[in-house]
Every structure is written in C-alpha cells, then in structure tokens.
C-alpha atoms as a PDB file:
ATOM      1  CA  MET A   1      55.711 -67.764 -22.025  1.00  0.00           C
ATOM      2  CA  ALA A   2      56.726 -64.902 -19.733  1.00  0.00           C
ATOM      3  CA  ALA A   3      59.997 -65.242 -17.851  1.00  0.00           C
ATOM      4  CA  PRO A   4      59.590 -65.671 -14.076  1.00  0.00           C
ATOM      5  CA  HIS A   5      60.202 -62.511 -12.132  1.00  0.00           C
ATOM      6  CA  GLY A   6      63.192 -62.510  -9.709  1.00  0.00           C
ATOM      7  CA  PRO A   7      63.238 -60.771  -6.339  1.00  0.00           C
ATOM      8  CA  THR A   8      62.576 -57.068  -6.448  1.00  0.00           C
ATOM      9  CA  ASP A   9      65.218 -54.492  -5.562  1.00  0.00           C
ATOM     10  CA  GLN A  10      63.540 -53.921  -2.199  1.00  0.00           C
ATOM     11  CA  GLN A  11      63.574 -57.631  -1.409  1.00  0.00           C
ATOM     12  CA  GLN A  12      67.262 -57.828  -2.305  1.00  0.00           C
ATOM     13  CA  ARG A  13      68.038 -54.881  -0.030  1.00  0.00           C
ATOM     14  CA  ASN A  14      66.047 -56.506   2.777  1.00  0.00           C
ATOM     15  CA  ALA A  15      67.930 -59.769   2.288  1.00  0.00           C
ATOM     16  CA  ARG A  16      71.323 -58.023   2.382  1.00  0.00           C
ATOM     17  CA  LEU A  17      70.347 -56.082   5.489  1.00  0.00           C
ATOM     18  CA  ASP A  18      69.037 -59.255   7.105  1.00  0.00           C
ATOM     19  CA  ARG A  19      72.347 -61.052   6.486  1.00  0.00           C
ATOM     20  CA  PHE A  20      74.319 -58.072   7.823  1.00  0.00           C
ATOM     21  CA  LEU A  21      72.239 -57.793  10.997  1.00  0.00           C
ATOM     22  CA  SER A  22      72.392 -61.553  11.568  1.00  0.00           C
ATOM     23  CA  ARG A  23      76.192 -61.501  11.323  1.00  0.00           C
ATOM     24  CA  ALA A  24      76.287 -58.499  13.653  1.00  0.00           C
ATOM     25  CA  ALA A  25      74.081 -60.356  16.164  1.00  0.00           C
ATOM     26  CA  LEU A  26      76.334 -63.431  16.118  1.00  0.00           C
ATOM     27  CA  LEU A  27      79.417 -61.238  16.503  1.00  0.00           C
ATOM     28  CA  LEU A  28      77.868 -59.397  19.442  1.00  0.00           C
ATOM     29  CA  ILE A  29      76.924 -62.664  21.152  1.00  0.00           C
ATOM     30  CA  ALA A  30      80.489 -63.951  20.762  1.00  0.00           C
ATOM     31  CA  ILE A  31      81.990 -60.684  22.054  1.00  0.00           C
ATOM     32  CA  PHE A  32      79.612 -60.580  25.035  1.00  0.00           C
ATOM     33  CA  LEU A  33      80.394 -64.162  26.049  1.00  0.00           C
ATOM     34  CA  VAL A  34      84.156 -63.680  25.706  1.00  0.00           C
ATOM     35  CA  ILE A  35      84.140 -60.452  27.739  1.00  0.00           C
ATOM     36  CA  VAL A  36      81.965 -61.979  30.462  1.00  0.00           C
ATOM     37  CA  GLY A  37      84.122 -65.112  30.653  1.00  0.00           C
ATOM     38  CA  VAL A  38      87.458 -63.294  30.721  1.00  0.00           C
ATOM     39  CA  GLY A  39      86.124 -60.673  33.133  1.00  0.00           C
ATOM     40  CA  ALA A  40      84.855 -63.320  35.543  1.00  0.00           C
ATOM     41  CA  ILE A  41      88.145 -65.240  35.484  1.00  0.00           C
ATOM     42  CA  VAL A  42      90.315 -62.139  35.947  1.00  0.00           C
ATOM     43  CA  GLY A  43      88.029 -60.472  38.481  1.00  0.00           C
ATOM     44  CA  LEU A  44      87.683 -63.490  40.752  1.00  0.00           C
ATOM     45  CA  SER A  45      91.431 -64.111  40.646  1.00  0.00           C
ATOM     46  CA  GLU A  46      92.177 -60.635  42.012  1.00  0.00           C
ATOM     47  CA  ASP A  47      91.650 -59.537  45.614  1.00  0.00           C
ATOM     48  CA  PHE A  48      89.885 -56.314  44.624  1.00  0.00           C
ATOM     49  CA  GLY A  49      87.460 -58.276  42.446  1.00  0.00           C
ATOM     50  CA  VAL A  50      86.537 -60.645  45.263  1.00  0.00           C
ATOM     51  CA  ALA A  51      86.173 -57.686  47.639  1.00  0.00           C
ATOM     52  CA  ALA A  52      83.886 -55.903  45.203  1.00  0.00           C
ATOM     53  CA  VAL A  53      81.646 -58.972  44.877  1.00  0.00           C
ATOM     54  CA  ASP A  54      81.519 -59.405  48.669  1.00  0.00           C
ATOM     55  CA  ASN A  55      80.827 -55.744  49.402  1.00  0.00           C
ATOM     56  CA  TYR A  56      78.432 -54.931  46.575  1.00  0.00           C
ATOM     57  CA  PRO A  57      76.602 -58.155  45.622  1.00  0.00           C
ATOM     58  CA  GLN A  58      73.491 -56.255  44.491  1.00  0.00           C
ATOM     59  CA  LEU A  59      75.496 -54.516  41.774  1.00  0.00           C
ATOM     60  CA  TYR A  60      76.770 -57.845  40.478  1.00  0.00           C
ATOM     61  CA  ILE A  61      73.286 -59.368  40.516  1.00  0.00           C
ATOM     62  CA  ALA A  62      72.050 -56.411  38.461  1.00  0.00           C
ATOM     63  CA  THR A  63      75.053 -56.799  36.136  1.00  0.00           C
ATOM     64  CA  ALA A  64      74.371 -60.513  35.622  1.00  0.00           C
ATOM     65  CA  LEU A  65      70.753 -59.753  34.726  1.00  0.00           C
ATOM     66  CA  LEU A  66      71.813 -57.057  32.257  1.00  0.00           C
ATOM     67  CA  MET A  67      74.341 -59.385  30.636  1.00  0.00           C
ATOM     68  CA  ALA A  68      71.684 -62.097  30.308  1.00  0.00           C
ATOM     69  CA  ILE A  69      69.260 -59.574  28.794  1.00  0.00           C
ATOM     70  CA  ALA A  70      71.946 -58.417  26.345  1.00  0.00           C
ATOM     71  CA  VAL A  71      72.641 -61.949  25.102  1.00  0.00           C
ATOM     72  CA  GLY A  72      68.925 -62.794  25.080  1.00  0.00           C
ATOM     73  CA  LEU A  73      68.036 -59.781  22.944  1.00  0.00           C
ATOM     74  CA  ALA A  74      70.819 -60.583  20.483  1.00  0.00           C
ATOM     75  CA  ILE A  75      69.605 -64.181  20.174  1.00  0.00           C
ATOM     76  CA  TRP A  76      65.988 -63.026  19.800  1.00  0.00           C
ATOM     77  CA  SER A  77      67.026 -60.787  16.923  1.00  0.00           C
ATOM     78  CA  LEU A  78      68.144 -63.865  14.956  1.00  0.00           C
ATOM     79  CA  PHE A  79      64.547 -65.111  14.861  1.00  0.00           C
ATOM     80  CA  GLN A  80      63.164 -61.997  13.166  1.00  0.00           C
ATOM     81  CA  ASN A  81      62.087 -62.348   9.547  1.00  0.00           C
ATOM     82  CA  GLY A  82      64.014 -60.809   6.675  1.00  0.00           C
ATOM     83  CA  GLU A  83      61.317 -58.376   5.647  1.00  0.00           C
ATOM     84  CA  SER A  84      61.451 -54.631   6.310  1.00  0.00           C
ATOM     85  CA  SER A  85      59.529 -54.906   9.590  1.00  0.00           C
ATOM     86  CA  GLY A  86      61.662 -57.824  10.741  1.00  0.00           C
ATOM     87  CA  ASN A  87      64.877 -55.946  10.002  1.00  0.00           C
ATOM     88  CA  ARG A  88      63.641 -52.947  11.942  1.00  0.00           C
ATOM     89  CA  ASN A  89      62.841 -55.165  14.915  1.00  0.00           C
ATOM     90  CA  LYS A  90      66.231 -56.847  14.596  1.00  0.00           C
ATOM     91  CA  ALA A  91      68.049 -53.499  14.556  1.00  0.00           C
ATOM     92  CA  TRP A  92      66.199 -52.258  17.658  1.00  0.00           C
ATOM     93  CA  LEU A  93      66.850 -55.524  19.484  1.00  0.00           C
ATOM     94  CA  LEU A  94      70.583 -55.211  18.749  1.00  0.00           C
ATOM     95  CA  VAL A  95      70.579 -51.602  19.939  1.00  0.00           C
ATOM     96  CA  GLY A  96      68.867 -52.686  23.174  1.00  0.00           C
ATOM     97  CA  SER A  97      71.292 -55.583  23.556  1.00  0.00           C
ATOM     98  CA  THR A  98      74.320 -53.298  23.205  1.00  0.00           C
ATOM     99  CA  ALA A  99      72.856 -50.744  25.621  1.00  0.00           C
ATOM    100  CA  ALA A 100      72.115 -53.403  28.266  1.00  0.00           C
ATOM    101  CA  PHE A 101      75.646 -54.763  27.975  1.00  0.00           C
ATOM    102  CA  ALA A 102      77.196 -51.277  28.208  1.00  0.00           C
ATOM    103  CA  ILE A 103      75.203 -50.486  31.356  1.00  0.00           C
ATOM    104  CA  GLY A 104      76.321 -53.805  32.855  1.00  0.00           C
ATOM    105  CA  VAL A 105      79.970 -52.966  32.152  1.00  0.00           C
ATOM    106  CA  LEU A 106      79.515 -49.561  33.793  1.00  0.00           C
ATOM    107  CA  LEU A 107      78.046 -51.199  36.905  1.00  0.00           C
ATOM    108  CA  VAL A 108      80.992 -53.595  37.128  1.00  0.00           C
ATOM    109  CA  THR A 109      83.470 -50.740  36.696  1.00  0.00           C
ATOM    110  CA  PHE A 110      81.716 -48.720  39.391  1.00  0.00           C
ATOM    111  CA  SER A 111      81.636 -51.591  41.886  1.00  0.00           C
ATOM    112  CA  VAL A 112      85.314 -52.441  41.269  1.00  0.00           C
ATOM    113  CA  HIS A 113      86.172 -48.769  41.786  1.00  0.00           C
ATOM    114  CA  LEU A 114      84.307 -48.765  45.098  1.00  0.00           C
ATOM    115  CA  GLY A 115      86.035 -51.950  46.193  1.00  0.00           C
ATOM    116  CA  ALA A 116      89.475 -50.713  45.146  1.00  0.00           C
ATOM    117  CA  THR A 117      89.217 -47.291  46.779  1.00  0.00           C
ATOM    118  CA  GLY A 118      87.830 -48.594  50.066  1.00  0.00           C
ATOM    119  CA  GLY A 119      85.235 -45.846  50.306  1.00  0.00           C
ATOM    120  CA  GLY A 120      87.280 -43.903  52.854  1.00  0.00           C
ATOM    121  CA  ARG A 121      87.524 -46.768  55.348  1.00  0.00           C
ATOM    122  CA  PRO A 122      90.709 -46.283  57.421  1.00  0.00           C
ATOM    123  CA  ASN A 123      93.152 -48.989  58.521  1.00  0.00           C
ATOM    124  CA  LEU A 124      95.464 -49.005  61.530  1.00  0.00           C
ATOM    125  CA  SER A 125      98.870 -50.654  61.432  1.00  0.00           C
ATOM    126  CA  ASP A 126     102.286 -50.574  63.119  1.00  0.00           C
ATOM    127  CA  VAL A 127     100.734 -49.822  66.508  1.00  0.00           C
ATOM    128  CA  SER A 128     103.496 -49.270  69.067  1.00  0.00           C
ATOM    129  CA  VAL A 129     103.048 -48.392  72.755  1.00  0.00           C
ATOM    130  CA  ARG A 130     106.115 -48.166  75.019  1.00  0.00           C
ATOM    131  CA  PRO A 131     105.218 -47.599  78.679  1.00  0.00           C
ATOM    132  CA  ASN A 132     107.585 -45.429  80.700  1.00  0.00           C
ATOM    133  CA  SER A 133     107.114 -42.384  82.886  1.00  0.00           C
ATOM    134  CA  LEU A 134     105.432 -41.158  79.705  1.00  0.00           C
ATOM    135  CA  VAL A 135     103.655 -43.625  77.430  1.00  0.00           C
ATOM    136  CA  GLU A 136     105.017 -43.298  73.899  1.00  0.00           C
ATOM    137  CA  VAL A 137     102.339 -44.095  71.336  1.00  0.00           C
ATOM    138  CA  SER A 138     102.835 -44.531  67.611  1.00  0.00           C
ATOM    139  CA  PHE A 139     100.543 -45.899  64.885  1.00  0.00           C
ATOM    140  CA  HIS A 140     100.053 -45.715  61.131  1.00  0.00           C
ATOM    141  CA  VAL A 141      96.789 -44.702  59.469  1.00  0.00           C
ATOM    142  CA  HIS A 142      95.952 -45.513  55.845  1.00  0.00           C
ATOM    143  CA  ALA A 143      92.754 -44.827  53.900  1.00  0.00           C
ATOM    144  CA  ASP A 144      91.870 -44.719  50.203  1.00  0.00           C
ATOM    145  CA  GLY A 145      88.962 -43.027  48.489  1.00  0.00           C
ATOM    146  CA  VAL A 146      88.572 -40.163  50.972  1.00  0.00           C
ATOM    147  CA  LYS A 147      86.450 -37.598  49.159  1.00  0.00           C
ATOM    148  CA  ASN A 148      87.428 -33.961  48.738  1.00  0.00           C
ATOM    149  CA  GLY A 149      86.612 -31.935  51.830  1.00  0.00           C
ATOM    150  CA  LYS A 150      86.534 -35.050  54.040  1.00  0.00           C
ATOM    151  CA  MET A 151      89.164 -36.231  56.499  1.00  0.00           C
ATOM    152  CA  ILE A 152      90.135 -39.082  58.789  1.00  0.00           C
ATOM    153  CA  ILE A 153      89.938 -38.579  62.549  1.00  0.00           C
ATOM    154  CA  ALA A 154      92.485 -40.442  64.703  1.00  0.00           C
ATOM    155  CA  GLU A 155      91.736 -40.564  68.433  1.00  0.00           C
ATOM    156  CA  VAL A 156      93.327 -42.133  71.481  1.00  0.00           C
ATOM    157  CA  GLY A 157      91.462 -42.637  74.726  1.00  0.00           C
ATOM    158  CA  ALA A 158      93.000 -43.664  78.063  1.00  0.00           C
ATOM    159  CA  TYR A 159      90.856 -45.931  80.265  1.00  0.00           C
ATOM    160  CA  ARG A 160      90.923 -47.591  83.621  1.00  0.00           C
ATOM    161  CA  ASP A 161      89.027 -50.711  82.663  1.00  0.00           C
ATOM    162  CA  LYS A 162      86.143 -49.047  80.767  1.00  0.00           C
ATOM    163  CA  ILE A 163      86.174 -45.740  82.634  1.00  0.00           C
ATOM    164  CA  PRO A 164      87.911 -42.799  80.891  1.00  0.00           C
ATOM    165  CA  VAL A 165      90.941 -41.417  82.713  1.00  0.00           C
ATOM    166  CA  GLY A 166      90.997 -37.624  82.718  1.00  0.00           C
ATOM    167  CA  ASN A 167      89.394 -36.179  79.614  1.00  0.00           C
ATOM    168  CA  ASP A 168      87.332 -38.324  77.267  1.00  0.00           C
ATOM    169  CA  LEU A 169      90.184 -38.232  74.743  1.00  0.00           C
ATOM    170  CA  ALA A 170      93.888 -38.247  75.464  1.00  0.00           C
ATOM    171  CA  TYR A 171      94.776 -37.365  71.864  1.00  0.00           C
ATOM    172  CA  ARG A 172      93.024 -36.395  68.643  1.00  0.00           C
ATOM    173  CA  ALA A 173      94.465 -35.805  65.164  1.00  0.00           C
ATOM    174  CA  VAL A 174      92.896 -34.711  61.891  1.00  0.00           C
ATOM    175  CA  LEU A 175      94.415 -36.370  58.821  1.00  0.00           C
ATOM    176  CA  ARG A 176      93.553 -34.858  55.451  1.00  0.00           C
ATOM    177  CA  PRO A 177      93.839 -36.709  52.122  1.00  0.00           C
ATOM    178  CA  ASN A 178      96.129 -35.826  49.243  1.00  0.00           C
ATOM    179  CA  GLU A 179      94.905 -34.990  45.735  1.00  0.00           C
ATOM    180  CA  ALA A 180      94.329 -38.691  45.025  1.00  0.00           C
ATOM    181  CA  GLY A 181      92.044 -39.083  48.064  1.00  0.00           C
ATOM    182  CA  LYS A 182      94.641 -41.032  50.045  1.00  0.00           C
ATOM    183  CA  VAL A 183      95.508 -40.670  53.719  1.00  0.00           C
ATOM    184  CA  ASP A 184      98.816 -42.278  54.653  1.00  0.00           C
ATOM    185  CA  GLY A 185     100.648 -41.112  57.737  1.00  0.00           C
ATOM    186  CA  THR A 186     102.164 -42.057  61.078  1.00  0.00           C
ATOM    187  CA  VAL A 187     100.963 -40.503  64.334  1.00  0.00           C
ATOM    188  CA  SER A 188     103.357 -40.298  67.298  1.00  0.00           C
ATOM    189  CA  PHE A 189     102.906 -38.658  70.698  1.00  0.00           C
ATOM    190  CA  SER A 190     103.494 -39.160  74.429  1.00  0.00           C
ATOM    191  CA  LEU A 191     101.048 -39.044  77.328  1.00  0.00           C
ATOM    192  CA  LYS A 192     100.979 -39.565  81.083  1.00  0.00           C
ATOM    193  CA  PRO A 193      99.197 -42.811  82.004  1.00  0.00           C
ATOM    194  CA  ASN A 194      97.609 -41.360  85.185  1.00  0.00           C
ATOM    195  CA  GLY A 195      96.503 -44.810  86.305  1.00  0.00           C
ATOM    196  CA  ALA A 196      95.191 -45.952  82.917  1.00  0.00           C
ATOM    197  CA  ASN A 197      95.536 -49.644  82.186  1.00  0.00           C
ATOM    198  CA  ARG A 198      94.497 -49.563  78.519  1.00  0.00           C
ATOM    199  CA  LEU A 199      94.570 -47.307  75.495  1.00  0.00           C
ATOM    200  CA  THR A 200      92.019 -47.429  72.716  1.00  0.00           C
ATOM    201  CA  ILE A 201      93.131 -46.109  69.331  1.00  0.00           C
ATOM    202  CA  ARG A 202      90.403 -45.249  66.836  1.00  0.00           C
ATOM    203  CA  ALA A 203      90.447 -44.093  63.215  1.00  0.00           C
ATOM    204  CA  ARG A 204      87.242 -43.078  61.446  1.00  0.00           C
ATOM    205  CA  PRO A 205      85.900 -40.784  58.728  1.00  0.00           C
ATOM    206  CA  ASP A 206      84.959 -37.352  60.032  1.00  0.00           C
ATOM    207  CA  HIS A 207      81.257 -38.141  59.570  1.00  0.00           C
ATOM    208  CA  GLY A 208      81.486 -41.426  61.506  1.00  0.00           C
ATOM    209  CA  THR A 209      80.994 -42.004  65.212  1.00  0.00           C
ATOM    210  CA  ALA A 210      83.455 -43.047  67.892  1.00  0.00           C
ATOM    211  CA  ASP A 211      81.258 -45.681  69.532  1.00  0.00           C
ATOM    212  CA  GLY A 212      83.006 -48.703  70.978  1.00  0.00           C
ATOM    213  CA  ALA A 213      85.505 -47.499  73.587  1.00  0.00           C
ATOM    214  CA  ASP A 214      86.816 -51.033  74.039  1.00  0.00           C
ATOM    215  CA  CYS A 215      86.552 -52.003  70.351  1.00  0.00           C
ATOM    216  CA  ASP A 216      83.472 -54.113  70.968  1.00  0.00           C
ATOM    217  CA  PRO A 217      82.376 -55.326  67.493  1.00  0.00           C
ATOM    218  CA  SER A 218      78.725 -55.061  68.528  1.00  0.00           C
ATOM    219  CA  GLN A 219      79.166 -51.319  69.110  1.00  0.00           C
ATOM    220  CA  ALA A 220      81.672 -50.270  66.471  1.00  0.00           C
ATOM    221  CA  GLN A 221      80.331 -48.555  63.376  1.00  0.00           C
ATOM    222  CA  GLU A 222      80.975 -49.887  59.858  1.00  0.00           C
ATOM    223  CA  LYS A 223      83.905 -47.597  58.979  1.00  0.00           C
ATOM    224  CA  LEU A 224      85.427 -47.333  62.464  1.00  0.00           C
ATOM    225  CA  THR A 225      88.773 -49.089  62.879  1.00  0.00           C
ATOM    226  CA  CYS A 226      90.154 -49.436  66.376  1.00  0.00           C
ATOM    227  CA  ALA A 227      92.750 -51.210  68.491  1.00  0.00           C
ATOM    228  CA  THR A 228      93.033 -51.670  72.250  1.00  0.00           C
ATOM    229  CA  VAL A 229      96.433 -51.900  73.946  1.00  0.00           C
ATOM    230  CA  LEU A 230      96.745 -53.079  77.543  1.00  0.00           C
ATOM    231  CA  LEU A 231      99.243 -51.183  79.700  1.00  0.00           C
ATOM    232  CA  PRO A 232     101.214 -52.875  82.482  1.00  0.00           C
ATOM    233  CA  GLU A 233     100.001 -52.146  86.000  1.00  0.00           C
END
C-alpha cells in the first residue's frame, strides 16, 4: 500500500504565509484600536484638540471613516482562504488598511495643526484707554500661524455714536510675524478726541475686511477681532 502524500511544498509555504498575514492583521487591528482610543482620550482632554474638532468637524468625520475602513479591511483579510489567491488578497487588504489608517492620522495631524496655530486669527488683550486732553490708547495684539508675506493690521477709529470723527481711521499699524509665524506686540499712541465718544479697535489679517465699526457680530468678518471703548462726555 502506498503511503499517503503529505502537503506539498507550495501548500506548506501558503500555510506559513497565511499564518504570518493573519498574525499581522490581528496586530494591526490591536494597534489601530489602541492608537484611536489613546488619541481620542488625549485629544479631547486638551483645549487644542477640542478646538480642532469644533473648527474642522469635516476632517474628523473623514478621519473616523478612514479609521473604520482600516479596521474593516484588516478584519476582512482574516476571512481570506490560505491558498495563493487568498494570501494575495489578504496582503492587498492589509496594505489598503495601513494606507487608510496613515491617511487618517495625517488628517488628524493637519486639523490639530490648524487648530493650534489659529490660522492667523488675531486676538486683542490688555486694552487701555485713558482720557485726558489727549486720549492715551494701548492694546496688545497676538496671532499665531500668520503665513510668510502676510501681516496683521491694527486699526483704531474714533466715532461720535456711529459717525466717524475726522478721518475714517485715527490710527493704523502693520504688525509683521516673526520666523515662527507669530505676531505678539503692544501698540501705544495718543490722539485728540475731537468730540468722539467711542473708539473702536480692530485687528485683522491683511486680506480681511474692516466691516463692523461698532463691533456688531452680524457685520464682523470671521477673522476680525475688535473692541469698542466708550469715552466720557
């Protein structure tokens, strides 16, 4: 009686490759889930992470879909057979899974970067106005993520109610960023009130508009920051 034939060399290679790819799929699934879980916990516990989600929700929706696709492809690969064709399918599914996850990570990194840098949106702080024969005005302007070649415009307008007093602008300054794209400086000057009963201080990117003389939220543009100070009669 002839001895039964064992698996061929090709079948043994297919079986080894199948086991290797299956282990790789399980490892990838575990890594993906750990990274997603830790990233969600850390990101939502930090202010910049919450800001990024609020400001760029579409990026996070796309990221969630890519992460789900990555895990789904890795799981699908486990159901491929151990033959040559099945191993090829399994390898391509794992490649697609890794690529989807990498793109998702890049989207998260990009959105966090946008949220952290502020996109050139200026902030006003330490506003000080001391009326006298001359009105002494001082304020601080801060902005992150100002691109090369761009600048922040700081303007002060004097108004009698909503009517400009004298020229349209009582003061205008151009603030340029440093090498890191940051604007951080204090503006100080004096002006004659000439009957003005309010000052409006505005800070905006150079490509923005100065709408909203009285800081009306319905008029102000997205990246315009302003403050109105009432002067004593």
